[in-house]
């Protein structure tokens, strides 16, 4: 499994609307090929910043299957208008689990 980690900075004073749009998008991820989990966390120290963490079976499930789908287009339509800057997206592989 790999994790997609996206840092999302949104426009000021749009947190409630952004979070509502993300909730609306959850079914898009639930039905995505290879999507194992999805969560979004608000960064406490940096107002208007969120971390989206999605577990994928393979890197290609994200970069090819999801990004090439109509659901990706729908995701961006729901949340893209809130972005202050383009999200910073990285992919992570677990190197160590301590617990």
PDB file of N, CA and C in Angstrom:
ATOM      1  N   UNK A   1       0.843  -1.172   0.000  1.00  0.00           N
ATOM      2  CA  UNK A   1       0.000   0.000   0.000  1.00  0.00           C
ATOM      3  C   UNK A   1       0.889   1.237   0.000  1.00  0.00           C
ATOM      4  N   UNK A   2       0.414   2.272  -0.686  1.00  0.00           N
ATOM      5  CA  UNK A   2       1.079   3.568  -0.667  1.00  0.00           C
ATOM      6  C   UNK A   2       0.074   4.605  -0.180  1.00  0.00           C
ATOM      7  N   UNK A   3       0.593   5.717   0.265  1.00  0.00           N
ATOM      8  CA  UNK A   3      -0.261   6.802   0.724  1.00  0.00           C
ATOM      9  C   UNK A   3      -0.032   8.029  -0.141  1.00  0.00           C
ATOM     10  N   UNK A   4      -1.113   8.599  -0.583  1.00  0.00           N
ATOM     11  CA  UNK A   4      -1.069   9.913  -1.222  1.00  0.00           C
ATOM     12  C   UNK A   4      -1.200  10.926  -0.103  1.00  0.00           C
ATOM     13  N   UNK A   5      -0.318  11.882  -0.059  1.00  0.00           N
ATOM     14  CA  UNK A   5      -0.315  12.927   0.952  1.00  0.00           C
ATOM     15  C   UNK A   5      -0.395  14.252   0.214  1.00  0.00           C
ATOM     16  N   UNK A   6      -1.503  14.958   0.383  1.00  0.00           N
ATOM     17  CA  UNK A   6      -1.685  16.235  -0.313  1.00  0.00           C
ATOM     18  C   UNK A   6      -1.866  17.352   0.703  1.00  0.00           C
ATOM     19  N   UNK A   7      -0.990  18.342   0.634  1.00  0.00           N
ATOM     20  CA  UNK A   7      -1.149  19.532   1.465  1.00  0.00           C
ATOM     21  C   UNK A   7      -1.995  20.519   0.684  1.00  0.00           C
ATOM     22  N   UNK A   8      -3.113  20.906   1.276  1.00  0.00           N
ATOM     23  CA  UNK A   8      -4.073  21.785   0.605  1.00  0.00           C
ATOM     24  C   UNK A   8      -4.212  23.071   1.405  1.00  0.00           C
ATOM     25  N   UNK A   9      -3.902  24.182   0.775  1.00  0.00           N
ATOM     26  CA  UNK A   9      -4.102  25.495   1.381  1.00  0.00           C
ATOM     27  C   UNK A   9      -5.336  26.113   0.726  1.00  0.00           C
ATOM     28  N   UNK A  10      -6.308  26.462   1.558  1.00  0.00           N
ATOM     29  CA  UNK A  10      -7.548  27.019   1.024  1.00  0.00           C
ATOM     30  C   UNK A  10      -7.610  28.526   1.267  1.00  0.00           C
ATOM     31  N   UNK A  11      -8.520  29.153   0.550  1.00  0.00           N
ATOM     32  CA  UNK A  11      -8.733  30.587   0.696  1.00  0.00           C
ATOM     33  C   UNK A  11      -9.280  30.879   2.097  1.00  0.00           C
ATOM     34  N   UNK A  12      -8.912  32.034   2.667  1.00  0.00           N
ATOM     35  CA  UNK A  12      -9.391  32.384   4.009  1.00  0.00           C
ATOM     36  C   UNK A  12     -10.918  32.398   4.091  1.00  0.00           C
ATOM     37  N   UNK A  13     -11.410  32.027   5.261  1.00  0.00           N
ATOM     38  CA  UNK A  13     -12.841  32.067   5.593  1.00  0.00           C
ATOM     39  C   UNK A  13     -13.703  31.138   4.746  1.00  0.00           C
ATOM     40  N   UNK A  14     -13.119  30.021   4.285  1.00  0.00           N
ATOM     41  CA  UNK A  14     -13.899  29.062   3.493  1.00  0.00           C
ATOM     42  C   UNK A  14     -13.864  27.655   4.094  1.00  0.00           C
ATOM     43  N   UNK A  15     -13.386  27.521   5.327  1.00  0.00           N
ATOM     44  CA  UNK A  15     -13.207  26.194   5.934  1.00  0.00           C
ATOM     45  C   UNK A  15     -14.495  25.383   5.970  1.00  0.00           C
ATOM     46  N   UNK A  16     -15.587  25.964   6.419  1.00  0.00           N
ATOM     47  CA  UNK A  16     -16.843  25.213   6.544  1.00  0.00           C
ATOM     48  C   UNK A  16     -17.321  24.719   5.183  1.00  0.00           C
ATOM     49  N   UNK A  17     -17.259  25.573   4.187  1.00  0.00           N
ATOM     50  CA  UNK A  17     -17.695  25.195   2.846  1.00  0.00           C
ATOM     51  C   UNK A  17     -16.769  24.146   2.233  1.00  0.00           C
ATOM     52  N   UNK A  18     -15.455  24.301   2.457  1.00  0.00           N
ATOM     53  CA  UNK A  18     -14.491  23.334   1.949  1.00  0.00           C
ATOM     54  C   UNK A  18     -14.735  21.967   2.574  1.00  0.00           C
ATOM     55  N   UNK A  19     -14.888  21.922   3.878  1.00  0.00           N
ATOM     56  CA  UNK A  19     -15.126  20.651   4.558  1.00  0.00           C
ATOM     57  C   UNK A  19     -16.422  20.001   4.090  1.00  0.00           C
ATOM     58  N   UNK A  20     -17.443  20.792   3.825  1.00  0.00           N
ATOM     59  CA  UNK A  20     -18.703  20.252   3.295  1.00  0.00           C
ATOM     60  C   UNK A  20     -18.484  19.659   1.901  1.00  0.00           C
ATOM     61  N   UNK A  21     -17.686  20.312   1.081  1.00  0.00           N
ATOM     62  CA  UNK A  21     -17.398  19.800  -0.263  1.00  0.00           C
ATOM     63  C   UNK A  21     -16.609  18.497  -0.194  1.00  0.00           C
ATOM     64  N   UNK A  22     -15.670  18.405   0.745  1.00  0.00           N
ATOM     65  CA  UNK A  22     -14.904  17.157   0.913  1.00  0.00           C
ATOM     66  C   UNK A  22     -15.833  16.032   1.348  1.00  0.00           C
ATOM     67  N   UNK A  23     -16.749  16.307   2.279  1.00  0.00           N
ATOM     68  CA  UNK A  23     -17.726  15.280   2.704  1.00  0.00           C
ATOM     69  C   UNK A  23     -18.545  14.799   1.514  1.00  0.00           C
ATOM     70  N   UNK A  24     -18.933  15.720   0.656  1.00  0.00           N
ATOM     71  CA  UNK A  24     -19.707  15.364  -0.535  1.00  0.00           C
ATOM     72  C   UNK A  24     -18.889  14.488  -1.490  1.00  0.00           C
ATOM     73  N   UNK A  25     -17.579  14.646  -1.469  1.00  0.00           N
ATOM     74  CA  UNK A  25     -16.701  13.894  -2.376  1.00  0.00           C
ATOM     75  C   UNK A  25     -16.341  12.501  -1.874  1.00  0.00           C
ATOM     76  N   UNK A  26     -16.629  12.175  -0.626  1.00  0.00           N
ATOM     77  CA  UNK A  26     -16.233  10.872  -0.068  1.00  0.00           C
ATOM     78  C   UNK A  26     -16.662   9.702  -0.955  1.00  0.00           C
ATOM     79  N   UNK A  27     -17.892   9.673  -1.490  1.00  0.00           N
ATOM     80  CA  UNK A  27     -18.271   8.537  -2.352  1.00  0.00           C
ATOM     81  C   UNK A  27     -17.395   8.377  -3.593  1.00  0.00           C
ATOM     82  N   UNK A  28     -16.817   9.458  -4.079  1.00  0.00           N
ATOM     83  CA  UNK A  28     -15.921   9.375  -5.235  1.00  0.00           C
ATOM     84  C   UNK A  28     -14.711   8.508  -4.911  1.00  0.00           C
ATOM     85  N   UNK A  29     -14.191   8.658  -3.701  1.00  0.00           N
ATOM     86  CA  UNK A  29     -13.037   7.873  -3.276  1.00  0.00           C
ATOM     87  C   UNK A  29     -13.442   6.450  -2.901  1.00  0.00           C
ATOM     88  N   UNK A  30     -14.602   6.304  -2.272  1.00  0.00           N
ATOM     89  CA  UNK A  30     -15.055   4.964  -1.880  1.00  0.00           C
ATOM     90  C   UNK A  30     -15.162   4.029  -3.080  1.00  0.00           C
ATOM     91  N   UNK A  31     -15.549   4.565  -4.222  1.00  0.00           N
ATOM     92  CA  UNK A  31     -15.719   3.707  -5.394  1.00  0.00           C
ATOM     93  C   UNK A  31     -14.496   3.683  -6.314  1.00  0.00           C
ATOM     94  N   UNK A  32     -13.452   4.437  -5.981  1.00  0.00           N
ATOM     95  CA  UNK A  32     -12.259   4.493  -6.826  1.00  0.00           C
ATOM     96  C   UNK A  32     -11.492   3.171  -6.764  1.00  0.00           C
ATOM     97  N   UNK A  33     -11.035   2.721  -7.900  1.00  0.00           N
ATOM     98  CA  UNK A  33     -10.252   1.487  -7.985  1.00  0.00           C
ATOM     99  C   UNK A  33      -9.009   1.595  -7.109  1.00  0.00           C
ATOM    100  N   UNK A  34      -8.842   0.642  -6.197  1.00  0.00           N
ATOM    101  CA  UNK A  34      -7.648   0.583  -5.369  1.00  0.00           C
ATOM    102  C   UNK A  34      -7.612   1.520  -4.185  1.00  0.00           C
ATOM    103  N   UNK A  35      -8.669   2.303  -3.957  1.00  0.00           N
ATOM    104  CA  UNK A  35      -8.676   3.214  -2.812  1.00  0.00           C
ATOM    105  C   UNK A  35      -9.040   2.430  -1.557  1.00  0.00           C
ATOM    106  N   UNK A  36      -8.162   2.468  -0.562  1.00  0.00           N
ATOM    107  CA  UNK A  36      -8.349   1.709   0.671  1.00  0.00           C
ATOM    108  C   UNK A  36      -8.796   2.571   1.846  1.00  0.00           C
ATOM    109  N   UNK A  37      -8.444   3.841   1.821  1.00  0.00           N
ATOM    110  CA  UNK A  37      -8.814   4.737   2.922  1.00  0.00           C
ATOM    111  C   UNK A  37      -8.677   6.178   2.454  1.00  0.00           C
ATOM    112  N   UNK A  38      -9.366   7.060   3.186  1.00  0.00           N
ATOM    113  CA  UNK A  38      -9.302   8.483   2.858  1.00  0.00           C
ATOM    114  C   UNK A  38      -9.618   9.263   4.118  1.00  0.00           C
ATOM    115  N   UNK A  39      -8.801  10.280   4.387  1.00  0.00           N
ATOM    116  CA  UNK A  39      -9.099  11.172   5.509  1.00  0.00           C
ATOM    117  C   UNK A  39      -8.535  12.546   5.188  1.00  0.00           C
ATOM    118  N   UNK A  40      -9.082  13.545   5.862  1.00  0.00           N
ATOM    119  CA  UNK A  40      -8.537  14.894   5.725  1.00  0.00           C
ATOM    120  C   UNK A  40      -8.412  15.466   7.128  1.00  0.00           C
ATOM    121  N   UNK A  41      -7.258  16.048   7.400  1.00  0.00           N
ATOM    122  CA  UNK A  41      -6.972  16.621   8.708  1.00  0.00           C
ATOM    123  C   UNK A  41      -6.694  18.110   8.553  1.00  0.00           C
ATOM    124  N   UNK A  42      -7.157  18.880   9.524  1.00  0.00           N
ATOM    125  CA  UNK A  42      -6.896  20.319   9.550  1.00  0.00           C
ATOM    126  C   UNK A  42      -5.608  20.553  10.324  1.00  0.00           C
ATOM    127  N   UNK A  43      -4.699  21.333   9.763  1.00  0.00           N
ATOM    128  CA  UNK A  43      -3.439  21.659  10.437  1.00  0.00           C
ATOM    129  C   UNK A  43      -3.720  22.744  11.468  1.00  0.00           C
ATOM    130  N   UNK A  44      -3.466  22.439  12.709  1.00  0.00           N
ATOM    131  CA  UNK A  44      -3.779  23.370  13.799  1.00  0.00           C
ATOM    132  C   UNK A  44      -2.890  24.616  13.742  1.00  0.00           C
ATOM    133  N   UNK A  45      -1.610  24.429  13.477  1.00  0.00           N
ATOM    134  CA  UNK A  45      -0.664  25.557  13.507  1.00  0.00           C
ATOM    135  C   UNK A  45      -0.725  26.460  12.279  1.00  0.00           C
ATOM    136  N   UNK A  46      -1.344  25.991  11.213  1.00  0.00           N
ATOM    137  CA  UNK A  46      -1.403  26.802   9.985  1.00  0.00           C
ATOM    138  C   UNK A  46      -2.856  26.910   9.531  1.00  0.00           C
ATOM    139  N   UNK A  47      -3.459  28.019   9.854  1.00  0.00           N
ATOM    140  CA  UNK A  47      -4.854  28.252   9.488  1.00  0.00           C
ATOM    141  C   UNK A  47      -5.034  28.099   7.975  1.00  0.00           C
ATOM    142  N   UNK A  48      -6.135  27.515   7.588  1.00  0.00           N
ATOM    143  CA  UNK A  48      -6.489  27.318   6.175  1.00  0.00           C
ATOM    144  C   UNK A  48      -5.655  26.246   5.479  1.00  0.00           C
ATOM    145  N   UNK A  49      -4.991  25.376   6.245  1.00  0.00           N
ATOM    146  CA  UNK A  49      -4.196  24.306   5.663  1.00  0.00           C
ATOM    147  C   UNK A  49      -4.738  22.954   6.115  1.00  0.00           C
ATOM    148  N   UNK A  50      -4.867  22.046   5.161  1.00  0.00           N
ATOM    149  CA  UNK A  50      -5.365  20.694   5.409  1.00  0.00           C
ATOM    150  C   UNK A  50      -4.398  19.679   4.825  1.00  0.00           C
ATOM    151  N   UNK A  51      -4.406  18.481   5.385  1.00  0.00           N
ATOM    152  CA  UNK A  51      -3.657  17.360   4.839  1.00  0.00           C
ATOM    153  C   UNK A  51      -4.646  16.276   4.442  1.00  0.00           C
ATOM    154  N   UNK A  52      -4.642  15.937   3.180  1.00  0.00           N
ATOM    155  CA  UNK A  52      -5.465  14.851   2.653  1.00  0.00           C
ATOM    156  C   UNK A  52      -4.571  13.626   2.564  1.00  0.00           C
ATOM    157  N   UNK A  53      -4.991  12.524   3.181  1.00  0.00           N
ATOM    158  CA  UNK A  53      -4.209  11.290   3.174  1.00  0.00           C
ATOM    159  C   UNK A  53      -5.107  10.180   2.639  1.00  0.00           C
ATOM    160  N   UNK A  54      -4.678   9.595   1.532  1.00  0.00           N
ATOM    161  CA  UNK A  54      -5.459   8.532   0.891  1.00  0.00           C
ATOM    162  C   UNK A  54      -4.577   7.308   0.746  1.00  0.00           C
ATOM    163  N   UNK A  55      -5.083   6.165   1.174  1.00  0.00           N
ATOM    164  CA  UNK A  55      -4.382   4.905   1.002  1.00  0.00           C
ATOM    165  C   UNK A  55      -4.797   4.259  -0.312  1.00  0.00           C
ATOM    166  N   UNK A  56      -3.817   3.886  -1.115  1.00  0.00           N
ATOM    167  CA  UNK A  56      -4.062   3.240  -2.408  1.00  0.00           C
ATOM    168  C   UNK A  56      -3.352   1.889  -2.434  1.00  0.00           C
ATOM    169  N   UNK A  57      -3.926   0.919  -3.119  1.00  0.00           N
ATOM    170  CA  UNK A  57      -3.251  -0.379  -3.279  1.00  0.00           C
ATOM    171  C   UNK A  57      -1.939  -0.207  -4.027  1.00  0.00           C
ATOM    172  N   UNK A  58      -1.968   0.585  -5.093  1.00  0.00           N
ATOM    173  CA  UNK A  58      -0.769   0.822  -5.900  1.00  0.00           C
ATOM    174  C   UNK A  58      -0.684   2.303  -6.258  1.00  0.00           C
ATOM    175  N   UNK A  59       0.500   2.742  -6.614  1.00  0.00           N
ATOM    176  CA  UNK A  59       0.690   4.114  -7.074  1.00  0.00           C
ATOM    177  C   UNK A  59      -0.167   4.387  -8.307  1.00  0.00           C
ATOM    178  N   UNK A  60      -0.233   3.418  -9.200  1.00  0.00           N
ATOM    179  CA  UNK A  60      -0.993   3.582 -10.442  1.00  0.00           C
ATOM    180  C   UNK A  60      -2.490   3.714 -10.189  1.00  0.00           C
ATOM    181  N   UNK A  61      -2.991   3.125  -9.096  1.00  0.00           N
ATOM    182  CA  UNK A  61      -4.401   3.320  -8.771  1.00  0.00           C
ATOM    183  C   UNK A  61      -4.716   4.798  -8.588  1.00  0.00           C
ATOM    184  N   UNK A  62      -3.743   5.554  -8.072  1.00  0.00           N
ATOM    185  CA  UNK A  62      -3.948   6.990  -7.938  1.00  0.00           C
ATOM    186  C   UNK A  62      -3.592   7.732  -9.219  1.00  0.00           C
ATOM    187  N   UNK A  63      -2.342   7.530  -9.685  1.00  0.00           N
ATOM    188  CA  UNK A  63      -1.823   8.373 -10.769  1.00  0.00           C
ATOM    189  C   UNK A  63      -2.431   8.080 -12.131  1.00  0.00           C
ATOM    190  N   UNK A  64      -2.890   6.855 -12.340  1.00  0.00           N
ATOM    191  CA  UNK A  64      -3.469   6.487 -13.636  1.00  0.00           C
ATOM    192  C   UNK A  64      -4.986   6.313 -13.520  1.00  0.00           C
ATOM    193  N   UNK A  65      -5.412   5.389 -12.663  1.00  0.00           N
ATOM    194  CA  UNK A  65      -6.833   5.047 -12.586  1.00  0.00           C
ATOM    195  C   UNK A  65      -7.687   6.220 -12.096  1.00  0.00           C
ATOM    196  N   UNK A  66      -7.338   6.772 -10.928  1.00  0.00           N
ATOM    197  CA  UNK A  66      -8.176   7.843 -10.376  1.00  0.00           C
ATOM    198  C   UNK A  66      -8.004   9.147 -11.139  1.00  0.00           C
ATOM    199  N   UNK A  67      -6.764   9.533 -11.366  1.00  0.00           N
ATOM    200  CA  UNK A  67      -6.552  10.819 -12.055  1.00  0.00           C
ATOM    201  C   UNK A  67      -7.094  10.824 -13.478  1.00  0.00           C
ATOM    202  N   UNK A  68      -7.236   9.654 -14.079  1.00  0.00           N
ATOM    203  CA  UNK A  68      -7.790   9.571 -15.423  1.00  0.00           C
ATOM    204  C   UNK A  68      -9.292   9.373 -15.449  1.00  0.00           C
ATOM    205  N   UNK A  69      -9.926   9.444 -14.290  1.00  0.00           N
ATOM    206  CA  UNK A  69     -11.357   9.138 -14.205  1.00  0.00           C
ATOM    207  C   UNK A  69     -12.224  10.394 -14.165  1.00  0.00           C
ATOM    208  N   UNK A  70     -13.500  10.189 -14.456  1.00  0.00           N
ATOM    209  CA  UNK A  70     -14.485  11.265 -14.316  1.00  0.00           C
ATOM    210  C   UNK A  70     -14.639  11.663 -12.849  1.00  0.00           C
ATOM    211  N   UNK A  71     -14.420  10.710 -11.934  1.00  0.00           N
ATOM    212  CA  UNK A  71     -14.527  11.035 -10.514  1.00  0.00           C
ATOM    213  C   UNK A  71     -13.441  12.016 -10.074  1.00  0.00           C
ATOM    214  N   UNK A  72     -12.252  11.951 -10.679  1.00  0.00           N
ATOM    215  CA  UNK A  72     -11.220  12.942 -10.364  1.00  0.00           C
ATOM    216  C   UNK A  72     -11.686  14.327 -10.820  1.00  0.00           C
ATOM    217  N   UNK A  73     -12.271  14.399 -12.000  1.00  0.00           N
ATOM    218  CA  UNK A  73     -12.805  15.662 -12.501  1.00  0.00           C
ATOM    219  C   UNK A  73     -13.887  16.192 -11.556  1.00  0.00           C
ATOM    220  N   UNK A  74     -14.740  15.302 -11.062  1.00  0.00           N
ATOM    221  CA  UNK A  74     -15.789  15.702 -10.122  1.00  0.00           C
ATOM    222  C   UNK A  74     -15.186  16.185  -8.800  1.00  0.00           C
ATOM    223  N   UNK A  75     -14.149  15.489  -8.318  1.00  0.00           N
ATOM    224  CA  UNK A  75     -13.454  15.893  -7.094  1.00  0.00           C
ATOM    225  C   UNK A  75     -12.911  17.308  -7.233  1.00  0.00           C
ATOM    226  N   UNK A  76     -12.225  17.560  -8.335  1.00  0.00           N
ATOM    227  CA  UNK A  76     -11.653  18.887  -8.530  1.00  0.00           C
ATOM    228  C   UNK A  76     -12.736  19.957  -8.695  1.00  0.00           C
ATOM    229  N   UNK A  77     -13.852  19.604  -9.299  1.00  0.00           N
ATOM    230  CA  UNK A  77     -14.953  20.562  -9.434  1.00  0.00           C
ATOM    231  C   UNK A  77     -15.527  20.923  -8.070  1.00  0.00           C
ATOM    232  N   UNK A  78     -15.589  19.955  -7.163  1.00  0.00           N
ATOM    233  CA  UNK A  78     -16.123  20.200  -5.826  1.00  0.00           C
ATOM    234  C   UNK A  78     -15.196  21.062  -4.973  1.00  0.00           C
ATOM    235  N   UNK A  79     -13.889  20.802  -5.029  1.00  0.00           N
ATOM    236  CA  UNK A  79     -12.976  21.452  -4.086  1.00  0.00           C
ATOM    237  C   UNK A  79     -12.000  22.443  -4.711  1.00  0.00           C
ATOM    238  N   UNK A  80     -11.790  22.372  -6.002  1.00  0.00           N
ATOM    239  CA  UNK A  80     -10.764  23.194  -6.643  1.00  0.00           C
ATOM    240  C   UNK A  80     -10.937  24.685  -6.454  1.00  0.00           C
ATOM    241  N   UNK A  81     -12.152  25.159  -6.389  1.00  0.00           N
ATOM    242  CA  UNK A  81     -12.402  26.584  -6.216  1.00  0.00           C
ATOM    243  C   UNK A  81     -11.977  27.130  -4.863  1.00  0.00           C
ATOM    244  N   UNK A  82     -11.738  26.245  -3.904  1.00  0.00           N
ATOM    245  CA  UNK A  82     -11.305  26.658  -2.571  1.00  0.00           C
ATOM    246  C   UNK A  82      -9.788  26.791  -2.458  1.00  0.00           C
ATOM    247  N   UNK A  83      -9.040  26.236  -3.397  1.00  0.00           N
ATOM    248  CA  UNK A  83      -7.581  26.216  -3.297  1.00  0.00           C
ATOM    249  C   UNK A  83      -7.001  27.623  -3.412  1.00  0.00           C
ATOM    250  N   UNK A  84      -6.139  27.975  -2.460  1.00  0.00           N
ATOM    251  CA  UNK A  84      -5.410  29.238  -2.535  1.00  0.00           C
ATOM    252  C   UNK A  84      -4.206  29.091  -3.451  1.00  0.00           C
ATOM    253  N   UNK A  85      -3.619  27.906  -3.458  1.00  0.00           N
ATOM    254  CA  UNK A  85      -2.493  27.542  -4.327  1.00  0.00           C
ATOM    255  C   UNK A  85      -2.703  26.085  -4.730  1.00  0.00           C
ATOM    256  N   UNK A  86      -2.068  25.624  -5.793  1.00  0.00           N
ATOM    257  CA  UNK A  86      -2.219  24.210  -6.149  1.00  0.00           C
ATOM    258  C   UNK A  86      -1.730  23.312  -5.006  1.00  0.00           C
ATOM    259  N   UNK A  87      -2.424  22.202  -4.745  1.00  0.00           N
ATOM    260  CA  UNK A  87      -1.990  21.293  -3.676  1.00  0.00           C
ATOM    261  C   UNK A  87      -0.610  20.720  -3.963  1.00  0.00           C
ATOM    262  N   UNK A  88       0.119  20.456  -2.900  1.00  0.00           N
ATOM    263  CA  UNK A  88       1.408  19.768  -3.000  1.00  0.00           C
ATOM    264  C   UNK A  88       1.150  18.294  -2.713  1.00  0.00           C
ATOM    265  N   UNK A  89       1.361  17.438  -3.704  1.00  0.00           N
ATOM    266  CA  UNK A  89       1.034  16.015  -3.590  1.00  0.00           C
ATOM    267  C   UNK A  89       2.314  15.194  -3.633  1.00  0.00           C
ATOM    268  N   UNK A  90       2.436  14.283  -2.661  1.00  0.00           N
ATOM    269  CA  UNK A  90       3.548  13.343  -2.604  1.00  0.00           C
ATOM    270  C   UNK A  90       2.980  11.960  -2.307  1.00  0.00           C
ATOM    271  N   UNK A  91       3.760  10.945  -2.609  1.00  0.00           N
ATOM    272  CA  UNK A  91       3.364   9.565  -2.333  1.00  0.00           C
ATOM    273  C   UNK A  91       4.350   8.960  -1.344  1.00  0.00           C
ATOM    274  N   UNK A  92       3.813   8.257  -0.354  1.00  0.00           N
ATOM    275  CA  UNK A  92       4.612   7.714   0.728  1.00  0.00           C
ATOM    276  C   UNK A  92       4.480   6.199   0.791  1.00  0.00           C
ATOM    277  N   UNK A  93       5.577   5.544   1.137  1.00  0.00           N
ATOM    278  CA  UNK A  93       5.578   4.111   1.412  1.00  0.00           C
ATOM    279  C   UNK A  93       6.041   3.950   2.852  1.00  0.00           C
ATOM    280  N   UNK A  94       5.393   3.071   3.609  1.00  0.00           N
ATOM    281  CA  UNK A  94       5.739   2.860   4.996  1.00  0.00           C
ATOM    282  C   UNK A  94       7.134   2.277   5.103  1.00  0.00           C
ATOM    283  N   UNK A  95       7.982   2.894   5.937  1.00  0.00           N
ATOM    284  CA  UNK A  95       9.333   2.394   6.154  1.00  0.00           C
ATOM    285  C   UNK A  95       9.467   1.686   7.504  1.00  0.00           C
ATOM    286  N   UNK A  96       8.625   2.066   8.473  1.00  0.00           N
ATOM    287  CA  UNK A  96       8.711   1.474   9.807  1.00  0.00           C
ATOM    288  C   UNK A  96       7.406   1.710  10.541  1.00  0.00           C
ATOM    289  N   UNK A  97       6.928   0.721  11.218  1.00  0.00           N
ATOM    290  CA  UNK A  97       5.774   0.862  12.088  1.00  0.00           C
ATOM    291  C   UNK A  97       6.235   0.521  13.499  1.00  0.00           C
ATOM    292  N   UNK A  98       6.097   1.449  14.408  1.00  0.00           N
ATOM    293  CA  UNK A  98       6.568   1.246  15.774  1.00  0.00           C
ATOM    294  C   UNK A  98       5.518   0.699  16.717  1.00  0.00           C
ATOM    295  N   UNK A  99       4.261   0.828  16.399  1.00  0.00           N
ATOM    296  CA  UNK A  99       3.167   0.337  17.261  1.00  0.00           C
ATOM    297  C   UNK A  99       2.254  -0.512  16.430  1.00  0.00           C
TER     298      UNK A  99
END
